[in-house]
Amino acid sequence: MQITRFVAALVASVALIAAGCASLRGVPGAPPASPPVAPPLPRNAEPPPPSINLSGFPLPYRQGYADGCASAGGVRHRDDARYGSDPNYHTGWEDGVALCRRK
């Protein structure tokens, strides 16, 4: 009888510990998990060469494309100030995300 109570108490304790360690992801009312953020490329840095030819595009577009393509993997790379103020960077970022997600 004592062993049964001990086992029941042990099982209940483990269940409470596991419930306390559970993530809030998927729980109604819990804040959504934000994607991890990585630093964007510096303004004057040439981005790594993409898998498509962007040689005729301006540097801000190519940088946005590189950051957007890097963001397609789950970690967001974006210079939010440039995204809001530079239409070339903005368009390049959107194109990079869209095209690299299809791969």
PDB file of N, CA and C in Angstrom:
ATOM      1  N   MET A   1       0.821  -1.189   0.000  1.00  0.00           N
ATOM      2  CA  MET A   1       0.000   0.000   0.000  1.00  0.00           C
ATOM      3  C   MET A   1       0.872   1.264   0.000  1.00  0.00           C
ATOM      4  N   GLN A   2       1.947   1.242   0.804  1.00  0.00           N
ATOM      5  CA  GLN A   2       2.820   2.411   0.855  1.00  0.00           C
ATOM      6  C   GLN A   2       3.575   2.598  -0.466  1.00  0.00           C
ATOM      7  N   ILE A   3       3.955   1.504  -1.089  1.00  0.00           N
ATOM      8  CA  ILE A   3       4.673   1.599  -2.354  1.00  0.00           C
ATOM      9  C   ILE A   3       3.754   2.200  -3.421  1.00  0.00           C
ATOM     10  N   THR A   4       2.483   1.831  -3.420  1.00  0.00           N
ATOM     11  CA  THR A   4       1.527   2.359  -4.383  1.00  0.00           C
ATOM     12  C   THR A   4       1.374   3.873  -4.204  1.00  0.00           C
ATOM     13  N   ARG A   5       1.285   4.318  -2.940  1.00  0.00           N
ATOM     14  CA  ARG A   5       1.168   5.756  -2.672  1.00  0.00           C
ATOM     15  C   ARG A   5       2.442   6.487  -3.105  1.00  0.00           C
ATOM     16  N   PHE A   6       3.586   5.868  -2.838  1.00  0.00           N
ATOM     17  CA  PHE A   6       4.855   6.478  -3.215  1.00  0.00           C
ATOM     18  C   PHE A   6       4.952   6.615  -4.739  1.00  0.00           C
ATOM     19  N   VAL A   7       4.584   5.567  -5.461  1.00  0.00           N
ATOM     20  CA  VAL A   7       4.639   5.597  -6.917  1.00  0.00           C
ATOM     21  C   VAL A   7       3.658   6.639  -7.457  1.00  0.00           C
ATOM     22  N   ALA A   8       2.459   6.703  -6.880  1.00  0.00           N
ATOM     23  CA  ALA A   8       1.471   7.688  -7.322  1.00  0.00           C
ATOM     24  C   ALA A   8       1.976   9.109  -7.075  1.00  0.00           C
ATOM     25  N   ALA A   9       2.604   9.325  -5.925  1.00  0.00           N
ATOM     26  CA  ALA A   9       3.150  10.649  -5.614  1.00  0.00           C
ATOM     27  C   ALA A   9       4.307  10.983  -6.556  1.00  0.00           C
ATOM     28  N   LEU A  10       5.129   9.997  -6.873  1.00  0.00           N
ATOM     29  CA  LEU A  10       6.249  10.210  -7.788  1.00  0.00           C
ATOM     30  C   LEU A  10       5.755  10.556  -9.190  1.00  0.00           C
ATOM     31  N   VAL A  11       4.762   9.838  -9.668  1.00  0.00           N
ATOM     32  CA  VAL A  11       4.196  10.098 -10.987  1.00  0.00           C
ATOM     33  C   VAL A  11       3.569  11.492 -11.014  1.00  0.00           C
ATOM     34  N   ALA A  12       2.850  11.861  -9.979  1.00  0.00           N
ATOM     35  CA  ALA A  12       2.235  13.189  -9.918  1.00  0.00           C
ATOM     36  C   ALA A  12       3.302  14.275  -9.896  1.00  0.00           C
ATOM     37  N   SER A  13       4.381  14.062  -9.176  1.00  0.00           N
ATOM     38  CA  SER A  13       5.466  15.044  -9.121  1.00  0.00           C
ATOM     39  C   SER A  13       6.119  15.228 -10.487  1.00  0.00           C
ATOM     40  N   VAL A  14       6.386  14.130 -11.157  1.00  0.00           N
ATOM     41  CA  VAL A  14       6.996  14.206 -12.487  1.00  0.00           C
ATOM     42  C   VAL A  14       6.061  14.925 -13.458  1.00  0.00           C
ATOM     43  N   ALA A  15       4.773  14.648 -13.379  1.00  0.00           N
ATOM     44  CA  ALA A  15       3.809  15.304 -14.255  1.00  0.00           C
ATOM     45  C   ALA A  15       3.760  16.807 -13.988  1.00  0.00           C
ATOM     46  N   LEU A  16       3.813  17.218 -12.722  1.00  0.00           N
ATOM     47  CA  LEU A  16       3.814  18.648 -12.400  1.00  0.00           C
ATOM     48  C   LEU A  16       5.083  19.330 -12.887  1.00  0.00           C
ATOM     49  N   ILE A  17       6.209  18.661 -12.743  1.00  0.00           N
ATOM     50  CA  ILE A  17       7.471  19.241 -13.219  1.00  0.00           C
ATOM     51  C   ILE A  17       7.439  19.381 -14.734  1.00  0.00           C
ATOM     52  N   ALA A  18       6.967  18.357 -15.417  1.00  0.00           N
ATOM     53  CA  ALA A  18       6.898  18.413 -16.875  1.00  0.00           C
ATOM     54  C   ALA A  18       5.945  19.511 -17.333  1.00  0.00           C
ATOM     55  N   ALA A  19       4.824  19.681 -16.642  1.00  0.00           N
ATOM     56  CA  ALA A  19       3.874  20.736 -17.007  1.00  0.00           C
ATOM     57  C   ALA A  19       4.481  22.113 -16.772  1.00  0.00           C
ATOM     58  N   GLY A  20       5.265  22.257 -15.734  1.00  0.00           N
ATOM     59  CA  GLY A  20       5.904  23.535 -15.446  1.00  0.00           C
ATOM     60  C   GLY A  20       6.977  23.884 -16.454  1.00  0.00           C
ATOM     61  N   CYS A  21       7.584  22.890 -17.056  1.00  0.00           N
ATOM     62  CA  CYS A  21       8.636  23.125 -18.041  1.00  0.00           C
ATOM     63  C   CYS A  21       8.092  23.266 -19.452  1.00  0.00           C
ATOM     64  N   ALA A  22       6.815  23.056 -19.627  1.00  0.00           N
ATOM     65  CA  ALA A  22       6.230  23.106 -20.969  1.00  0.00           C
ATOM     66  C   ALA A  22       6.295  24.518 -21.531  1.00  0.00           C
ATOM     67  N   SER A  23       6.428  24.601 -22.814  1.00  0.00           N
ATOM     68  CA  SER A  23       6.486  25.889 -23.512  1.00  0.00           C
ATOM     69  C   SER A  23       5.091  26.468 -23.627  1.00  0.00           C
ATOM     70  N   LEU A  24       5.015  27.787 -23.762  1.00  0.00           N
ATOM     71  CA  LEU A  24       3.728  28.446 -23.963  1.00  0.00           C
ATOM     72  C   LEU A  24       3.329  28.477 -25.422  1.00  0.00           C
ATOM     73  N   ARG A  25       4.169  27.951 -26.312  1.00  0.00           N
ATOM     74  CA  ARG A  25       3.863  27.956 -27.737  1.00  0.00           C
ATOM     75  C   ARG A  25       2.590  27.158 -27.979  1.00  0.00           C
ATOM     76  N   GLY A  26       1.666  27.745 -28.683  1.00  0.00           N
ATOM     77  CA  GLY A  26       0.417  27.071 -28.996  1.00  0.00           C
ATOM     78  C   GLY A  26      -0.660  27.254 -27.948  1.00  0.00           C
ATOM     79  N   VAL A  27      -0.342  27.909 -26.833  1.00  0.00           N
ATOM     80  CA  VAL A  27      -1.325  28.135 -25.791  1.00  0.00           C
ATOM     81  C   VAL A  27      -2.117  29.388 -26.145  1.00  0.00           C
ATOM     82  N   PRO A  28      -3.458  29.313 -26.139  1.00  0.00           N
ATOM     83  CA  PRO A  28      -4.247  30.497 -26.460  1.00  0.00           C
ATOM     84  C   PRO A  28      -3.912  31.643 -25.505  1.00  0.00           C
ATOM     85  N   GLY A  29      -3.743  32.831 -26.064  1.00  0.00           N
ATOM     86  CA  GLY A  29      -3.442  34.001 -25.255  1.00  0.00           C
ATOM     87  C   GLY A  29      -1.961  34.223 -25.018  1.00  0.00           C
ATOM     88  N   ALA A  30      -1.135  33.231 -25.351  1.00  0.00           N
ATOM     89  CA  ALA A  30       0.310  33.385 -25.175  1.00  0.00           C
ATOM     90  C   ALA A  30       0.847  34.251 -26.308  1.00  0.00           C
ATOM     91  N   PRO A  31       1.832  35.094 -26.014  1.00  0.00           N
ATOM     92  CA  PRO A  31       2.387  35.929 -27.083  1.00  0.00           C
ATOM     93  C   PRO A  31       3.053  35.069 -28.142  1.00  0.00           C
ATOM     94  N   PRO A  32       2.941  35.451 -29.425  1.00  0.00           N
ATOM     95  CA  PRO A  32       3.568  34.651 -30.482  1.00  0.00           C
ATOM     96  C   PRO A  32       5.089  34.729 -30.368  1.00  0.00           C
ATOM     97  N   ALA A  33       5.720  33.636 -30.687  1.00  0.00           N
ATOM     98  CA  ALA A  33       7.179  33.596 -30.647  1.00  0.00           C
ATOM     99  C   ALA A  33       7.709  34.420 -31.816  1.00  0.00           C
ATOM    100  N   SER A  34       8.613  35.359 -31.521  1.00  0.00           N
ATOM    101  CA  SER A  34       9.177  36.167 -32.591  1.00  0.00           C
ATOM    102  C   SER A  34      10.360  35.432 -33.202  1.00  0.00           C
ATOM    103  N   PRO A  35      10.564  35.603 -34.509  1.00  0.00           N
ATOM    104  CA  PRO A  35      11.684  34.908 -35.147  1.00  0.00           C
ATOM    105  C   PRO A  35      13.010  35.478 -34.661  1.00  0.00           C
ATOM    106  N   PRO A  36      14.029  34.662 -34.600  1.00  0.00           N
ATOM    107  CA  PRO A  36      15.334  35.188 -34.216  1.00  0.00           C
ATOM    108  C   PRO A  36      15.812  36.210 -35.234  1.00  0.00           C
ATOM    109  N   VAL A  37      16.559  37.189 -34.766  1.00  0.00           N
ATOM    110  CA  VAL A  37      17.015  38.271 -35.637  1.00  0.00           C
ATOM    111  C   VAL A  37      18.537  38.285 -35.679  1.00  0.00           C
ATOM    112  N   ALA A  38      19.086  38.389 -36.862  1.00  0.00           N
ATOM    113  CA  ALA A  38      20.531  38.481 -37.051  1.00  0.00           C
ATOM    114  C   ALA A  38      20.857  39.852 -37.629  1.00  0.00           C
ATOM    115  N   PRO A  39      22.067  40.332 -37.425  1.00  0.00           N
ATOM    116  CA  PRO A  39      22.405  41.658 -37.944  1.00  0.00           C
ATOM    117  C   PRO A  39      22.445  41.671 -39.476  1.00  0.00           C
ATOM    118  N   PRO A  40      21.970  42.766 -40.092  1.00  0.00           N
ATOM    119  CA  PRO A  40      22.022  42.875 -41.559  1.00  0.00           C
ATOM    120  C   PRO A  40      23.431  43.223 -42.018  1.00  0.00           C
ATOM    121  N   LEU A  41      23.644  43.184 -43.314  1.00  0.00           N
ATOM    122  CA  LEU A  41      24.929  43.583 -43.889  1.00  0.00           C
ATOM    123  C   LEU A  41      25.141  45.081 -43.694  1.00  0.00           C
ATOM    124  N   PRO A  42      26.385  45.525 -43.517  1.00  0.00           N
ATOM    125  CA  PRO A  42      26.646  46.973 -43.475  1.00  0.00           C
ATOM    126  C   PRO A  42      26.273  47.621 -44.807  1.00  0.00           C
ATOM    127  N   ARG A  43      25.969  48.916 -44.785  1.00  0.00           N
ATOM    128  CA  ARG A  43      25.502  49.633 -45.983  1.00  0.00           C
ATOM    129  C   ARG A  43      26.485  49.600 -47.144  1.00  0.00           C
ATOM    130  N   ASN A  44      27.772  49.555 -46.863  1.00  0.00           N
ATOM    131  CA  ASN A  44      28.750  49.615 -47.946  1.00  0.00           C
ATOM    132  C   ASN A  44      29.332  48.251 -48.317  1.00  0.00           C
ATOM    133  N   ALA A  45      28.843  47.185 -47.720  1.00  0.00           N
ATOM    134  CA  ALA A  45      29.375  45.841 -47.981  1.00  0.00           C
ATOM    135  C   ALA A  45      28.707  45.224 -49.198  1.00  0.00           C
ATOM    136  N   GLU A  46      29.521  44.631 -50.034  1.00  0.00           N
ATOM    137  CA  GLU A  46      28.994  43.897 -51.188  1.00  0.00           C
ATOM    138  C   GLU A  46      28.488  42.552 -50.663  1.00  0.00           C
ATOM    139  N   PRO A  47      27.239  42.205 -50.936  1.00  0.00           N
ATOM    140  CA  PRO A  47      26.704  40.938 -50.434  1.00  0.00           C
ATOM    141  C   PRO A  47      27.341  39.751 -51.154  1.00  0.00           C
ATOM    142  N   PRO A  48      27.203  38.563 -50.569  1.00  0.00           N
ATOM    143  CA  PRO A  48      27.721  37.375 -51.256  1.00  0.00           C
ATOM    144  C   PRO A  48      26.976  37.169 -52.571  1.00  0.00           C
ATOM    145  N   PRO A  49      27.616  36.569 -53.555  1.00  0.00           N
ATOM    146  CA  PRO A  49      26.951  36.410 -54.855  1.00  0.00           C
ATOM    147  C   PRO A  49      25.733  35.492 -54.751  1.00  0.00           C
ATOM    148  N   PRO A  50      24.588  35.939 -55.277  1.00  0.00           N
ATOM    149  CA  PRO A  50      23.392  35.099 -55.232  1.00  0.00           C
ATOM    150  C   PRO A  50      23.437  34.048 -56.333  1.00  0.00           C
ATOM    151  N   SER A  51      22.470  33.160 -56.298  1.00  0.00           N
ATOM    152  CA  SER A  51      22.412  32.100 -57.305  1.00  0.00           C
ATOM    153  C   SER A  51      21.844  32.607 -58.634  1.00  0.00           C
ATOM    154  N   ILE A  52      21.377  33.861 -58.656  1.00  0.00           N
ATOM    155  CA  ILE A  52      20.882  34.459 -59.899  1.00  0.00           C
ATOM    156  C   ILE A  52      21.703  35.709 -60.206  1.00  0.00           C
ATOM    157  N   ASN A  53      21.663  36.175 -61.435  1.00  0.00           N
ATOM    158  CA  ASN A  53      22.451  37.327 -61.853  1.00  0.00           C
ATOM    159  C   ASN A  53      21.747  38.629 -61.467  1.00  0.00           C
ATOM    160  N   LEU A  54      22.347  39.373 -60.549  1.00  0.00           N
ATOM    161  CA  LEU A  54      21.818  40.667 -60.132  1.00  0.00           C
ATOM    162  C   LEU A  54      22.774  41.796 -60.493  1.00  0.00           C
ATOM    163  N   SER A  55      23.631  41.577 -61.465  1.00  0.00           N
ATOM    164  CA  SER A  55      24.684  42.550 -61.777  1.00  0.00           C
ATOM    165  C   SER A  55      24.148  43.904 -62.230  1.00  0.00           C
ATOM    166  N   GLY A  56      22.973  43.990 -62.810  1.00  0.00           N
ATOM    167  CA  GLY A  56      22.438  45.264 -63.269  1.00  0.00           C
ATOM    168  C   GLY A  56      21.659  46.022 -62.209  1.00  0.00           C
ATOM    169  N   PHE A  57      21.515  45.460 -61.032  1.00  0.00           N
ATOM    170  CA  PHE A  57      20.729  46.078 -59.977  1.00  0.00           C
ATOM    171  C   PHE A  57      21.613  46.925 -59.071  1.00  0.00           C
ATOM    172  N   PRO A  58      21.048  47.981 -58.461  1.00  0.00           N
ATOM    173  CA  PRO A  58      21.852  48.826 -57.567  1.00  0.00           C
ATOM    174  C   PRO A  58      22.257  48.068 -56.293  1.00  0.00           C
ATOM    175  N   LEU A  59      23.317  48.562 -55.657  1.00  0.00           N
ATOM    176  CA  LEU A  59      23.838  47.926 -54.445  1.00  0.00           C
ATOM    177  C   LEU A  59      22.773  47.757 -53.354  1.00  0.00           C
ATOM    178  N   PRO A  60      21.929  48.773 -53.055  1.00  0.00           N
ATOM    179  CA  PRO A  60      20.917  48.567 -52.011  1.00  0.00           C
ATOM    180  C   PRO A  60      19.961  47.408 -52.326  1.00  0.00           C
ATOM    181  N   TYR A  61      19.605  47.238 -53.602  1.00  0.00           N
ATOM    182  CA  TYR A  61      18.736  46.120 -53.977  1.00  0.00           C
ATOM    183  C   TYR A  61      19.450  44.796 -53.721  1.00  0.00           C
ATOM    184  N   ARG A  62      20.714  44.701 -54.142  1.00  0.00           N
ATOM    185  CA  ARG A  62      21.474  43.458 -53.953  1.00  0.00           C
ATOM    186  C   ARG A  62      21.650  43.151 -52.472  1.00  0.00           C
ATOM    187  N   GLN A  63      21.862  44.181 -51.661  1.00  0.00           N
ATOM    188  CA  GLN A  63      21.993  43.961 -50.217  1.00  0.00           C
ATOM    189  C   GLN A  63      20.660  43.493 -49.625  1.00  0.00           C
ATOM    190  N   GLY A  64      19.571  44.123 -50.041  1.00  0.00           N
ATOM    191  CA  GLY A  64      18.248  43.697 -49.571  1.00  0.00           C
ATOM    192  C   GLY A  64      17.941  42.276 -49.995  1.00  0.00           C
ATOM    193  N   TYR A  65      18.308  41.947 -51.236  1.00  0.00           N
ATOM    194  CA  TYR A  65      18.086  40.586 -51.734  1.00  0.00           C
ATOM    195  C   TYR A  65      18.870  39.577 -50.889  1.00  0.00           C
ATOM    196  N   ALA A  66      20.126  39.897 -50.585  1.00  0.00           N
ATOM    197  CA  ALA A  66      20.956  38.989 -49.786  1.00  0.00           C
ATOM    198  C   ALA A  66      20.378  38.818 -48.386  1.00  0.00           C
ATOM    199  N   ASP A  67      19.947  39.928 -47.761  1.00  0.00           N
ATOM    200  CA  ASP A  67      19.345  39.830 -46.425  1.00  0.00           C
ATOM    201  C   ASP A  67      18.032  39.059 -46.481  1.00  0.00           C
ATOM    202  N   GLY A  68      17.221  39.309 -47.511  1.00  0.00           N
ATOM    203  CA  GLY A  68      15.945  38.594 -47.645  1.00  0.00           C
ATOM    204  C   GLY A  68      16.156  37.112 -47.880  1.00  0.00           C
ATOM    205  N   CYS A  69      17.112  36.782 -48.725  1.00  0.00           N
ATOM    206  CA  CYS A  69      17.399  35.372 -49.002  1.00  0.00           C
ATOM    207  C   CYS A  69      17.905  34.678 -47.739  1.00  0.00           C
ATOM    208  N   ALA A  70      18.745  35.365 -46.972  1.00  0.00           N
ATOM    209  CA  ALA A  70      19.224  34.791 -45.708  1.00  0.00           C
ATOM    210  C   ALA A  70      18.082  34.630 -44.712  1.00  0.00           C
ATOM    211  N   SER A  71      17.071  35.482 -44.817  1.00  0.00           N
ATOM    212  CA  SER A  71      15.915  35.412 -43.909  1.00  0.00           C
ATOM    213  C   SER A  71      14.977  34.265 -44.245  1.00  0.00           C
ATOM    214  N   ALA A  72      15.048  33.762 -45.455  1.00  0.00           N
ATOM    215  CA  ALA A  72      14.144  32.685 -45.867  1.00  0.00           C
ATOM    216  C   ALA A  72      14.378  31.416 -45.069  1.00  0.00           C
ATOM    217  N   GLY A  73      15.553  31.287 -44.451  1.00  0.00           N
ATOM    218  CA  GLY A  73      15.859  30.105 -43.648  1.00  0.00           C
ATOM    219  C   GLY A  73      15.299  30.141 -42.242  1.00  0.00           C
ATOM    220  N   GLY A  74      14.692  31.235 -41.824  1.00  0.00           N
ATOM    221  CA  GLY A  74      14.082  31.291 -40.501  1.00  0.00           C
ATOM    222  C   GLY A  74      14.626  32.376 -39.601  1.00  0.00           C
ATOM    223  N   VAL A  75      15.899  32.732 -39.714  1.00  0.00           N
ATOM    224  CA  VAL A  75      16.475  33.805 -38.914  1.00  0.00           C
ATOM    225  C   VAL A  75      16.383  35.083 -39.736  1.00  0.00           C
ATOM    226  N   ARG A  76      15.684  36.081 -39.211  1.00  0.00           N
ATOM    227  CA  ARG A  76      15.447  37.296 -39.985  1.00  0.00           C
ATOM    228  C   ARG A  76      16.685  38.183 -40.013  1.00  0.00           C
ATOM    229  N   HIS A  77      17.154  38.482 -41.199  1.00  0.00           N
ATOM    230  CA  HIS A  77      18.235  39.429 -41.463  1.00  0.00           C
ATOM    231  C   HIS A  77      17.579  40.617 -42.154  1.00  0.00           C
ATOM    232  N   ARG A  78      17.476  41.741 -41.480  1.00  0.00           N
ATOM    233  CA  ARG A  78      16.877  42.908 -42.126  1.00  0.00           C
ATOM    234  C   ARG A  78      17.266  44.171 -41.384  1.00  0.00           C
ATOM    235  N   ASP A  79      17.625  45.189 -42.133  1.00  0.00           N
ATOM    236  CA  ASP A  79      17.878  46.515 -41.590  1.00  0.00           C
ATOM    237  C   ASP A  79      16.536  47.241 -41.633  1.00  0.00           C
ATOM    238  N   ASP A  80      15.835  47.281 -40.502  1.00  0.00           N
ATOM    239  CA  ASP A  80      14.476  47.826 -40.482  1.00  0.00           C
ATOM    240  C   ASP A  80      14.416  49.293 -40.902  1.00  0.00           C
ATOM    241  N   ALA A  81      15.435  50.076 -40.561  1.00  0.00           N
ATOM    242  CA  ALA A  81      15.444  51.487 -40.965  1.00  0.00           C
ATOM    243  C   ALA A  81      15.517  51.602 -42.486  1.00  0.00           C
ATOM    244  N   ARG A  82      16.387  50.841 -43.102  1.00  0.00           N
ATOM    245  CA  ARG A  82      16.509  50.865 -44.565  1.00  0.00           C
ATOM    246  C   ARG A  82      15.271  50.263 -45.221  1.00  0.00           C
ATOM    247  N   TYR A  83      14.719  49.221 -44.624  1.00  0.00           N
ATOM    248  CA  TYR A  83      13.528  48.580 -45.177  1.00  0.00           C
ATOM    249  C   TYR A  83      12.384  49.582 -45.285  1.00  0.00           C
ATOM    250  N   GLY A  84      12.283  50.473 -44.301  1.00  0.00           N
ATOM    251  CA  GLY A  84      11.208  51.461 -44.308  1.00  0.00           C
ATOM    252  C   GLY A  84      11.494  52.698 -45.145  1.00  0.00           C
ATOM    253  N   SER A  85      12.771  52.972 -45.424  1.00  0.00           N
ATOM    254  CA  SER A  85      13.097  54.223 -46.107  1.00  0.00           C
ATOM    255  C   SER A  85      13.707  54.064 -47.502  1.00  0.00           C
ATOM    256  N   ASP A  86      14.271  52.919 -47.808  1.00  0.00           N
ATOM    257  CA  ASP A  86      14.959  52.726 -49.085  1.00  0.00           C
ATOM    258  C   ASP A  86      14.164  51.747 -49.953  1.00  0.00           C
ATOM    259  N   PRO A  87      13.500  52.240 -50.996  1.00  0.00           N
ATOM    260  CA  PRO A  87      12.668  51.347 -51.810  1.00  0.00           C
ATOM    261  C   PRO A  87      13.463  50.245 -52.520  1.00  0.00           C
ATOM    262  N   ASN A  88      14.719  50.515 -52.877  1.00  0.00           N
ATOM    263  CA  ASN A  88      15.529  49.466 -53.507  1.00  0.00           C
ATOM    264  C   ASN A  88      15.817  48.336 -52.521  1.00  0.00           C
ATOM    265  N   TYR A  89      16.203  48.690 -51.299  1.00  0.00           N
ATOM    266  CA  TYR A  89      16.469  47.677 -50.276  1.00  0.00           C
ATOM    267  C   TYR A  89      15.188  46.890 -49.969  1.00  0.00           C
ATOM    268  N   HIS A  90      14.079  47.626 -49.815  1.00  0.00           N
ATOM    269  CA  HIS A  90      12.788  47.004 -49.498  1.00  0.00           C
ATOM    270  C   HIS A  90      12.398  45.978 -50.571  1.00  0.00           C
ATOM    271  N   THR A  91      12.447  46.393 -51.832  1.00  0.00           N
ATOM    272  CA  THR A  91      12.073  45.495 -52.929  1.00  0.00           C
ATOM    273  C   THR A  91      13.028  44.307 -53.021  1.00  0.00           C
ATOM    274  N   GLY A  92      14.325  44.570 -52.860  1.00  0.00           N
ATOM    275  CA  GLY A  92      15.302  43.486 -52.887  1.00  0.00           C
ATOM    276  C   GLY A  92      15.069  42.484 -51.771  1.00  0.00           C
ATOM    277  N   TRP A  93      14.733  42.984 -50.569  1.00  0.00           N
ATOM    278  CA  TRP A  93      14.488  42.086 -49.431  1.00  0.00           C
ATOM    279  C   TRP A  93      13.265  41.214 -49.706  1.00  0.00           C
ATOM    280  N   GLU A  94      12.186  41.831 -50.163  1.00  0.00           N
ATOM    281  CA  GLU A  94      10.965  41.063 -50.463  1.00  0.00           C
ATOM    282  C   GLU A  94      11.223  40.024 -51.554  1.00  0.00           C
ATOM    283  N   ASP A  95      11.942  40.415 -52.606  1.00  0.00           N
ATOM    284  CA  ASP A  95      12.250  39.475 -53.685  1.00  0.00           C
ATOM    285  C   ASP A  95      13.142  38.339 -53.181  1.00  0.00           C
ATOM    286  N   GLY A  96      14.119  38.670 -52.350  1.00  0.00           N
ATOM    287  CA  GLY A  96      15.015  37.644 -51.821  1.00  0.00           C
ATOM    288  C   GLY A  96      14.282  36.614 -50.985  1.00  0.00           C
ATOM    289  N   VAL A  97      13.389  37.083 -50.119  1.00  0.00           N
ATOM    290  CA  VAL A  97      12.609  36.150 -49.291  1.00  0.00           C
ATOM    291  C   VAL A  97      11.739  35.269 -50.181  1.00  0.00           C
ATOM    292  N   ALA A  98      11.030  35.887 -51.118  1.00  0.00           N
ATOM    293  CA  ALA A  98      10.100  35.133 -51.968  1.00  0.00           C
ATOM    294  C   ALA A  98      10.818  34.098 -52.829  1.00  0.00           C
ATOM    295  N   LEU A  99      11.899  34.493 -53.461  1.00  0.00           N
ATOM    296  CA  LEU A  99      12.592  33.566 -54.371  1.00  0.00           C
ATOM    297  C   LEU A  99      13.351  32.486 -53.627  1.00  0.00           C
ATOM    298  N   CYS A 100      13.955  32.816 -52.505  1.00  0.00           N
ATOM    299  CA  CYS A 100      14.735  31.802 -51.785  1.00  0.00           C
ATOM    300  C   CYS A 100      13.873  30.818 -51.007  1.00  0.00           C
ATOM    301  N   ARG A 101      12.644  31.185 -50.673  1.00  0.00           N
ATOM    302  CA  ARG A 101      11.738  30.238 -50.012  1.00  0.00           C
ATOM    303  C   ARG A 101      11.278  29.162 -50.980  1.00  0.00           C
ATOM    304  N   ARG A 102      11.243  29.470 -52.268  1.00  0.00           N
ATOM    305  CA  ARG A 102      10.789  28.501 -53.270  1.00  0.00           C
ATOM    306  C   ARG A 102      11.800  27.397 -53.509  1.00  0.00           C
ATOM    307  N   LYS A 103      13.047  27.634 -53.167  1.00  0.00           N
ATOM    308  CA  LYS A 103      14.113  26.652 -53.461  1.00  0.00           C
ATOM    309  C   LYS A 103      14.001  25.434 -52.585  1.00  0.00           C
TER     310      LYS A 103
END
